[in-house]
Amino acid sequence: MTVIDARERQQALDISRSFIVQAPAGSGKTGVLTQRILKLLARVERPEQILAITFTKKAAAEMRTRVAEALQQAQEGNAPAESHARVYFDLATAALARDREKGWHLLQNLGRLRLQTIDSLCASLVKDNLLSAGLGAQFGVEDDAGELYVEAT
């Protein structure tokens, strides 16, 4: 099977640069991002140095699940025969080697992975800087901001 955007997918795995991955639903964005996260895990000092931002909670949860599944498969040593699945396995094996070297215990501490929505990133930034944001302790994420838009105009 030929992948039309194979070159772009390969470029997204260049961890010397930051990337934005944009594509239609079902095109493989989560898979590319999962591979990138696994590749980064093999090189960082701490998992918290990696930040992957999505728009939906579902996508963030899916990325976390895929990273966990890849690490679990690598830990079990079940190398797949298919080349596509083998990429995940090889990246996860390298990430697990780094995990052991650094004592992260990622499979037991997946919360160390910063795979989150843009809303949760913004909320954590505000929470960490309440005084300088001038918001006090009362802030939140609004799912339906229509009334706020009207008030702001």
N, C-alpha and C. Protein backbone atom coordinates (compact mmCIF):
# COMPACT_ATOMS: atom_id res chain seq x y z
N MET A 1 0.84 -1.17 0.00
CA MET A 1 0.00 0.00 0.00
C MET A 1 0.89 1.24 0.00
N THR A 2 0.64 2.15 -0.91
CA THR A 2 1.40 3.39 -1.01
C THR A 2 0.69 4.47 -0.22
N VAL A 3 1.43 5.16 0.62
CA VAL A 3 0.88 6.27 1.40
C VAL A 3 1.27 7.56 0.69
N ILE A 4 0.27 8.32 0.25
CA ILE A 4 0.51 9.52 -0.54
C ILE A 4 1.35 10.54 0.21
N ASP A 5 1.12 10.67 1.52
CA ASP A 5 1.83 11.69 2.29
C ASP A 5 2.98 11.09 3.12
N ALA A 6 3.59 10.04 2.61
CA ALA A 6 4.67 9.36 3.35
C ALA A 6 5.82 10.31 3.68
N ARG A 7 6.16 11.19 2.76
CA ARG A 7 7.26 12.12 2.99
C ARG A 7 6.92 13.07 4.15
N GLU A 8 5.70 13.58 4.19
CA GLU A 8 5.28 14.48 5.26
C GLU A 8 5.24 13.76 6.60
N ARG A 9 4.78 12.51 6.58
CA ARG A 9 4.76 11.71 7.82
C ARG A 9 6.17 11.50 8.35
N GLN A 10 7.10 11.25 7.47
CA GLN A 10 8.50 11.07 7.87
C GLN A 10 9.06 12.37 8.43
N GLN A 11 8.72 13.49 7.81
CA GLN A 11 9.18 14.79 8.29
C GLN A 11 8.65 15.08 9.70
N ALA A 12 7.42 14.65 9.97
CA ALA A 12 6.82 14.88 11.29
C ALA A 12 7.57 14.13 12.39
N LEU A 13 8.33 13.13 12.02
CA LEU A 13 9.12 12.38 13.00
C LEU A 13 10.49 13.00 13.25
N ASP A 14 10.76 14.15 12.60
CA ASP A 14 12.01 14.87 12.84
C ASP A 14 11.87 15.62 14.16
N ILE A 15 12.42 15.05 15.23
CA ILE A 15 12.23 15.63 16.55
C ILE A 15 13.13 16.83 16.83
N SER A 16 13.91 17.25 15.85
CA SER A 16 14.71 18.46 16.04
C SER A 16 13.86 19.71 15.82
N ARG A 17 12.60 19.50 15.40
CA ARG A 17 11.69 20.61 15.12
C ARG A 17 10.33 20.35 15.76
N SER A 18 9.60 21.44 16.01
CA SER A 18 8.22 21.31 16.45
C SER A 18 7.35 21.15 15.21
N PHE A 19 6.17 20.55 15.39
CA PHE A 19 5.29 20.31 14.26
C PHE A 19 3.84 20.54 14.61
N ILE A 20 3.09 20.99 13.63
CA ILE A 20 1.64 21.00 13.69
C ILE A 20 1.19 19.97 12.67
N VAL A 21 0.34 19.05 13.11
CA VAL A 21 -0.17 18.03 12.20
C VAL A 21 -1.64 18.35 11.95
N GLN A 22 -1.96 18.66 10.69
CA GLN A 22 -3.33 18.96 10.28
C GLN A 22 -3.73 18.00 9.17
N ALA A 23 -4.89 17.40 9.34
CA ALA A 23 -5.39 16.48 8.32
C ALA A 23 -6.84 16.14 8.65
N PRO A 24 -7.59 15.63 7.69
CA PRO A 24 -8.99 15.26 7.94
C PRO A 24 -9.10 14.09 8.91
N ALA A 25 -10.28 13.94 9.47
CA ALA A 25 -10.56 12.83 10.38
C ALA A 25 -10.25 11.50 9.69
N GLY A 26 -9.65 10.59 10.41
CA GLY A 26 -9.38 9.26 9.89
C GLY A 26 -8.16 9.15 9.00
N SER A 27 -7.36 10.21 8.93
CA SER A 27 -6.22 10.20 8.02
C SER A 27 -4.92 9.71 8.66
N GLY A 28 -4.94 9.49 9.97
CA GLY A 28 -3.74 8.98 10.62
C GLY A 28 -2.97 9.98 11.47
N LYS A 29 -3.60 11.13 11.80
CA LYS A 29 -2.92 12.14 12.62
C LYS A 29 -2.47 11.56 13.96
N THR A 30 -3.37 10.85 14.62
CA THR A 30 -3.06 10.32 15.95
C THR A 30 -1.91 9.33 15.87
N GLY A 31 -1.86 8.55 14.82
CA GLY A 31 -0.76 7.60 14.65
C GLY A 31 0.58 8.30 14.48
N VAL A 32 0.60 9.35 13.67
CA VAL A 32 1.84 10.11 13.46
C VAL A 32 2.28 10.75 14.78
N LEU A 33 1.33 11.35 15.49
CA LEU A 33 1.67 11.99 16.76
C LEU A 33 2.15 10.97 17.79
N THR A 34 1.54 9.80 17.80
CA THR A 34 1.96 8.74 18.73
C THR A 34 3.39 8.33 18.42
N GLN A 35 3.72 8.14 17.15
CA GLN A 35 5.09 7.78 16.78
C GLN A 35 6.06 8.87 17.21
N ARG A 36 5.69 10.11 17.01
CA ARG A 36 6.55 11.24 17.39
C ARG A 36 6.78 11.25 18.91
N ILE A 37 5.73 11.04 19.68
CA ILE A 37 5.85 11.01 21.13
C ILE A 37 6.78 9.88 21.57
N LEU A 38 6.61 8.71 20.98
CA LEU A 38 7.49 7.58 21.31
C LEU A 38 8.95 7.90 20.98
N LYS A 39 9.16 8.52 19.84
CA LYS A 39 10.52 8.88 19.44
C LYS A 39 11.12 9.90 20.41
N LEU A 40 10.32 10.87 20.82
CA LEU A 40 10.79 11.85 21.78
C LEU A 40 11.09 11.22 23.14
N LEU A 41 10.26 10.27 23.55
CA LEU A 41 10.47 9.60 24.84
C LEU A 41 11.83 8.90 24.90
N ALA A 42 12.33 8.48 23.76
CA ALA A 42 13.63 7.80 23.73
C ALA A 42 14.80 8.76 23.92
N ARG A 43 14.51 10.08 23.95
CA ARG A 43 15.60 11.05 23.99
C ARG A 43 15.53 12.10 25.10
N VAL A 44 14.35 12.34 25.65
CA VAL A 44 14.22 13.40 26.64
C VAL A 44 14.74 12.97 28.01
N GLU A 45 14.98 13.95 28.86
CA GLU A 45 15.41 13.68 30.23
C GLU A 45 14.23 13.32 31.12
N ARG A 46 13.07 13.92 30.82
CA ARG A 46 11.85 13.67 31.59
C ARG A 46 10.66 13.66 30.64
N PRO A 47 9.69 12.78 30.86
CA PRO A 47 8.51 12.75 29.98
C PRO A 47 7.76 14.07 29.94
N GLU A 48 7.81 14.84 31.01
CA GLU A 48 7.10 16.11 31.07
C GLU A 48 7.63 17.14 30.08
N GLN A 49 8.78 16.89 29.50
CA GLN A 49 9.34 17.81 28.50
C GLN A 49 8.59 17.75 27.17
N ILE A 50 7.78 16.73 27.00
CA ILE A 50 7.01 16.55 25.77
C ILE A 50 5.62 17.14 25.99
N LEU A 51 5.17 17.94 25.04
CA LEU A 51 3.83 18.50 25.10
C LEU A 51 3.15 18.26 23.76
N ALA A 52 2.03 17.54 23.79
CA ALA A 52 1.22 17.33 22.60
C ALA A 52 -0.16 17.92 22.88
N ILE A 53 -0.58 18.83 22.02
CA ILE A 53 -1.85 19.54 22.23
C ILE A 53 -2.83 19.15 21.13
N THR A 54 -4.05 18.82 21.54
CA THR A 54 -5.12 18.52 20.59
C THR A 54 -6.31 19.43 20.89
N PHE A 55 -7.33 19.35 20.08
CA PHE A 55 -8.52 20.15 20.32
C PHE A 55 -9.55 19.42 21.16
N THR A 56 -9.54 18.09 21.14
CA THR A 56 -10.60 17.36 21.84
C THR A 56 -10.03 16.42 22.91
N LYS A 57 -10.83 16.22 23.95
CA LYS A 57 -10.45 15.28 25.01
C LYS A 57 -10.33 13.87 24.44
N LYS A 58 -11.20 13.56 23.48
CA LYS A 58 -11.18 12.24 22.86
C LYS A 58 -9.84 11.99 22.17
N ALA A 59 -9.33 12.97 21.45
CA ALA A 59 -8.05 12.81 20.75
C ALA A 59 -6.89 12.68 21.74
N ALA A 60 -6.92 13.46 22.82
CA ALA A 60 -5.87 13.38 23.83
C ALA A 60 -5.89 12.00 24.49
N ALA A 61 -7.07 11.50 24.81
CA ALA A 61 -7.20 10.17 25.41
C ALA A 61 -6.73 9.09 24.45
N GLU A 62 -7.06 9.24 23.18
CA GLU A 62 -6.65 8.26 22.17
C GLU A 62 -5.12 8.22 22.05
N MET A 63 -4.48 9.39 22.06
CA MET A 63 -3.01 9.41 22.00
C MET A 63 -2.40 8.70 23.21
N ARG A 64 -2.93 9.00 24.39
CA ARG A 64 -2.43 8.38 25.61
C ARG A 64 -2.59 6.85 25.54
N THR A 65 -3.75 6.42 25.06
CA THR A 65 -4.02 4.98 24.93
C THR A 65 -3.05 4.33 23.95
N ARG A 66 -2.83 4.97 22.81
CA ARG A 66 -1.94 4.39 21.80
C ARG A 66 -0.49 4.33 22.30
N VAL A 67 -0.04 5.37 23.01
CA VAL A 67 1.31 5.33 23.57
C VAL A 67 1.41 4.18 24.57
N ALA A 68 0.41 4.06 25.44
CA ALA A 68 0.41 2.98 26.44
C ALA A 68 0.41 1.60 25.78
N GLU A 69 -0.41 1.43 24.76
CA GLU A 69 -0.48 0.14 24.05
C GLU A 69 0.84 -0.20 23.38
N ALA A 70 1.47 0.79 22.76
CA ALA A 70 2.76 0.55 22.11
C ALA A 70 3.83 0.17 23.14
N LEU A 71 3.86 0.88 24.26
CA LEU A 71 4.83 0.56 25.31
C LEU A 71 4.58 -0.83 25.89
N GLN A 72 3.30 -1.16 26.08
CA GLN A 72 2.94 -2.48 26.61
C GLN A 72 3.37 -3.59 25.65
N GLN A 73 3.11 -3.41 24.37
CA GLN A 73 3.50 -4.41 23.38
C GLN A 73 5.02 -4.57 23.35
N ALA A 74 5.74 -3.46 23.42
CA ALA A 74 7.20 -3.53 23.43
C ALA A 74 7.70 -4.23 24.69
N GLN A 75 7.06 -3.95 25.81
CA GLN A 75 7.47 -4.59 27.06
C GLN A 75 7.27 -6.11 26.99
N GLU A 76 6.21 -6.52 26.32
CA GLU A 76 5.93 -7.95 26.16
C GLU A 76 6.85 -8.59 25.14
N GLY A 77 7.50 -7.78 24.32
CA GLY A 77 8.44 -8.29 23.33
C GLY A 77 7.78 -8.92 22.12
N ASN A 78 6.52 -8.58 21.88
CA ASN A 78 5.78 -9.15 20.74
C ASN A 78 6.00 -8.30 19.49
N ALA A 79 7.11 -8.54 18.82
CA ALA A 79 7.42 -7.78 17.61
C ALA A 79 6.48 -8.19 16.48
N PRO A 80 5.73 -7.23 15.93
CA PRO A 80 4.81 -7.55 14.84
C PRO A 80 5.56 -7.78 13.52
N ALA A 81 4.95 -8.50 12.62
CA ALA A 81 5.56 -8.79 11.33
C ALA A 81 5.35 -7.64 10.33
N GLU A 82 4.19 -6.97 10.42
CA GLU A 82 3.87 -5.91 9.47
C GLU A 82 4.78 -4.70 9.69
N SER A 83 5.25 -4.12 8.59
CA SER A 83 6.21 -3.02 8.69
C SER A 83 5.62 -1.80 9.40
N HIS A 84 4.35 -1.48 9.15
CA HIS A 84 3.72 -0.31 9.79
C HIS A 84 3.70 -0.49 11.31
N ALA A 85 3.26 -1.65 11.76
CA ALA A 85 3.20 -1.92 13.20
C ALA A 85 4.60 -2.04 13.81
N ARG A 86 5.55 -2.48 13.00
CA ARG A 86 6.92 -2.62 13.47
C ARG A 86 7.54 -1.25 13.81
N VAL A 87 7.14 -0.20 13.10
CA VAL A 87 7.63 1.15 13.40
C VAL A 87 7.26 1.52 14.83
N TYR A 88 5.99 1.32 15.19
CA TYR A 88 5.54 1.58 16.57
C TYR A 88 6.35 0.76 17.57
N PHE A 89 6.50 -0.51 17.26
CA PHE A 89 7.20 -1.41 18.17
C PHE A 89 8.64 -0.96 18.38
N ASP A 90 9.34 -0.62 17.32
CA ASP A 90 10.73 -0.19 17.43
C ASP A 90 10.86 1.12 18.21
N LEU A 91 9.98 2.06 17.93
CA LEU A 91 10.00 3.33 18.66
C LEU A 91 9.67 3.12 20.14
N ALA A 92 8.71 2.27 20.42
CA ALA A 92 8.32 1.99 21.81
C ALA A 92 9.43 1.24 22.54
N THR A 93 10.13 0.37 21.85
CA THR A 93 11.24 -0.37 22.47
C THR A 93 12.34 0.61 22.88
N ALA A 94 12.65 1.57 22.03
CA ALA A 94 13.66 2.58 22.36
C ALA A 94 13.17 3.46 23.52
N ALA A 95 11.89 3.81 23.53
CA ALA A 95 11.32 4.61 24.62
C ALA A 95 11.39 3.85 25.94
N LEU A 96 11.11 2.56 25.90
CA LEU A 96 11.18 1.74 27.12
C LEU A 96 12.61 1.62 27.64
N ALA A 97 13.56 1.56 26.73
CA ALA A 97 14.97 1.52 27.16
C ALA A 97 15.31 2.80 27.92
N ARG A 98 14.84 3.94 27.43
CA ARG A 98 15.06 5.22 28.11
C ARG A 98 14.30 5.25 29.44
N ASP A 99 13.12 4.70 29.44
CA ASP A 99 12.30 4.60 30.64
C ASP A 99 13.05 3.85 31.74
N ARG A 100 13.63 2.72 31.38
CA ARG A 100 14.40 1.92 32.36
C ARG A 100 15.64 2.68 32.82
N GLU A 101 16.32 3.31 31.87
CA GLU A 101 17.54 4.07 32.19
C GLU A 101 17.26 5.19 33.19
N LYS A 102 16.14 5.88 33.00
CA LYS A 102 15.80 7.04 33.83
C LYS A 102 14.89 6.72 35.02
N GLY A 103 14.37 5.50 35.06
CA GLY A 103 13.49 5.10 36.17
C GLY A 103 12.14 5.80 36.19
N TRP A 104 11.58 6.06 35.02
CA TRP A 104 10.30 6.76 34.93
C TRP A 104 9.11 5.89 35.31
N HIS A 105 9.14 4.60 34.97
CA HIS A 105 8.01 3.68 35.18
C HIS A 105 6.75 4.22 34.49
N LEU A 106 6.91 4.58 33.22
CA LEU A 106 5.82 5.22 32.48
C LEU A 106 4.53 4.42 32.44
N LEU A 107 4.63 3.12 32.28
CA LEU A 107 3.40 2.33 32.19
C LEU A 107 2.58 2.42 33.48
N GLN A 108 3.23 2.69 34.59
CA GLN A 108 2.52 2.89 35.85
C GLN A 108 2.23 4.37 36.11
N ASN A 109 2.85 5.26 35.35
CA ASN A 109 2.74 6.70 35.57
C ASN A 109 2.44 7.46 34.27
N LEU A 110 1.42 7.04 33.55
CA LEU A 110 1.10 7.68 32.27
C LEU A 110 0.70 9.15 32.44
N GLY A 111 0.35 9.55 33.64
CA GLY A 111 0.01 10.94 33.89
C GLY A 111 1.17 11.89 33.69
N ARG A 112 2.39 11.35 33.62
CA ARG A 112 3.56 12.19 33.37
C ARG A 112 3.59 12.69 31.93
N LEU A 113 2.83 12.06 31.06
CA LEU A 113 2.77 12.48 29.66
C LEU A 113 1.84 13.67 29.53
N ARG A 114 2.32 14.75 28.96
CA ARG A 114 1.51 15.96 28.79
C ARG A 114 0.83 15.92 27.42
N LEU A 115 -0.21 15.11 27.34
CA LEU A 115 -1.02 14.97 26.14
C LEU A 115 -2.37 15.55 26.50
N GLN A 116 -2.64 16.77 26.03
CA GLN A 116 -3.80 17.47 26.53
C GLN A 116 -4.45 18.34 25.46
N THR A 117 -5.62 18.85 25.82
CA THR A 117 -6.33 19.75 24.92
C THR A 117 -5.76 21.16 25.07
N ILE A 118 -6.04 21.98 24.09
CA ILE A 118 -5.59 23.37 24.18
C ILE A 118 -6.27 24.07 25.36
N ASP A 119 -7.53 23.70 25.64
CA ASP A 119 -8.23 24.28 26.79
C ASP A 119 -7.54 23.92 28.10
N SER A 120 -7.15 22.66 28.25
CA SER A 120 -6.50 22.26 29.51
C SER A 120 -5.11 22.88 29.64
N LEU A 121 -4.41 23.06 28.52
CA LEU A 121 -3.12 23.75 28.56
C LEU A 121 -3.30 25.19 29.04
N CYS A 122 -4.26 25.89 28.44
CA CYS A 122 -4.50 27.28 28.84
C CYS A 122 -4.92 27.36 30.31
N ALA A 123 -5.78 26.46 30.74
CA ALA A 123 -6.22 26.45 32.13
C ALA A 123 -5.05 26.22 33.08
N SER A 124 -4.15 25.32 32.72
CA SER A 124 -2.99 25.07 33.59
C SER A 124 -2.05 26.27 33.62
N LEU A 125 -1.91 26.98 32.50
CA LEU A 125 -1.08 28.18 32.48
C LEU A 125 -1.68 29.27 33.38
N VAL A 126 -3.00 29.45 33.30
CA VAL A 126 -3.65 30.44 34.15
C VAL A 126 -3.54 30.03 35.61
N LYS A 127 -3.81 28.78 35.90
CA LYS A 127 -3.74 28.28 37.28
C LYS A 127 -2.35 28.48 37.87
N ASP A 128 -1.32 28.24 37.06
CA ASP A 128 0.06 28.40 37.53
C ASP A 128 0.45 29.87 37.69
N ASN A 129 -0.34 30.77 37.11
CA ASN A 129 -0.01 32.20 37.13
C ASN A 129 -1.23 33.05 37.51
N LEU A 130 -1.96 32.63 38.53
CA LEU A 130 -3.21 33.30 38.90
C LEU A 130 -3.03 34.79 39.19
N LEU A 131 -2.04 35.14 39.95
CA LEU A 131 -1.87 36.54 40.34
C LEU A 131 -1.53 37.42 39.14
N SER A 132 -0.58 36.95 38.33
CA SER A 132 -0.20 37.78 37.18
C SER A 132 -1.30 37.81 36.12
N ALA A 133 -2.17 36.80 36.08
CA ALA A 133 -3.28 36.80 35.13
C ALA A 133 -4.40 37.73 35.59
N GLY A 134 -4.40 38.07 36.88
CA GLY A 134 -5.41 38.97 37.42
C GLY A 134 -6.79 38.35 37.49
N LEU A 135 -6.86 37.04 37.56
CA LEU A 135 -8.16 36.37 37.57
C LEU A 135 -8.59 35.87 38.93
N GLY A 136 -7.70 35.84 39.90
CA GLY A 136 -8.05 35.26 41.19
C GLY A 136 -8.27 33.78 41.05
N ALA A 137 -8.99 33.22 41.99
CA ALA A 137 -9.18 31.77 42.00
C ALA A 137 -10.41 31.33 41.20
N GLN A 138 -11.21 32.28 40.71
CA GLN A 138 -12.45 31.95 40.02
C GLN A 138 -12.26 32.00 38.51
N PHE A 139 -11.97 30.91 37.90
CA PHE A 139 -11.91 30.84 36.44
C PHE A 139 -12.29 29.43 36.03
N GLY A 140 -12.63 29.27 34.76
CA GLY A 140 -12.99 27.95 34.27
C GLY A 140 -13.06 27.95 32.76
N VAL A 141 -13.27 26.78 32.22
CA VAL A 141 -13.40 26.62 30.78
C VAL A 141 -14.89 26.56 30.47
N GLU A 142 -15.32 27.35 29.52
CA GLU A 142 -16.73 27.43 29.15
C GLU A 142 -16.95 26.65 27.86
N ASP A 143 -17.81 25.64 27.91
CA ASP A 143 -18.09 24.85 26.71
C ASP A 143 -18.94 25.62 25.70
N ASP A 144 -19.87 26.42 26.19
CA ASP A 144 -20.71 27.23 25.30
C ASP A 144 -20.47 28.69 25.64
N ALA A 145 -19.59 29.33 24.90
CA ALA A 145 -19.16 30.69 25.21
C ALA A 145 -19.97 31.76 24.50
N GLY A 146 -21.11 31.43 23.93
CA GLY A 146 -21.92 32.39 23.19
C GLY A 146 -22.25 33.64 23.97
N GLU A 147 -22.70 33.48 25.23
CA GLU A 147 -23.05 34.65 26.05
C GLU A 147 -21.81 35.49 26.35
N LEU A 148 -20.69 34.85 26.54
CA LEU A 148 -19.45 35.59 26.81
C LEU A 148 -19.01 36.40 25.59
N TYR A 149 -19.21 35.84 24.40
CA TYR A 149 -18.87 36.58 23.18
C TYR A 149 -19.73 37.82 23.07
N VAL A 150 -21.02 37.69 23.37
CA VAL A 150 -21.94 38.83 23.31
C VAL A 150 -21.50 39.89 24.32
N GLU A 151 -21.19 39.45 25.54
CA GLU A 151 -20.77 40.37 26.60
C GLU A 151 -19.48 41.10 26.22
N ALA A 152 -18.58 40.42 25.54
CA ALA A 152 -17.29 41.00 25.18
C ALA A 152 -17.39 42.00 24.03
N THR A 153 -18.47 41.96 23.26
CA THR A 153 -18.59 42.88 22.11
C THR A 153 -19.33 44.13 22.44
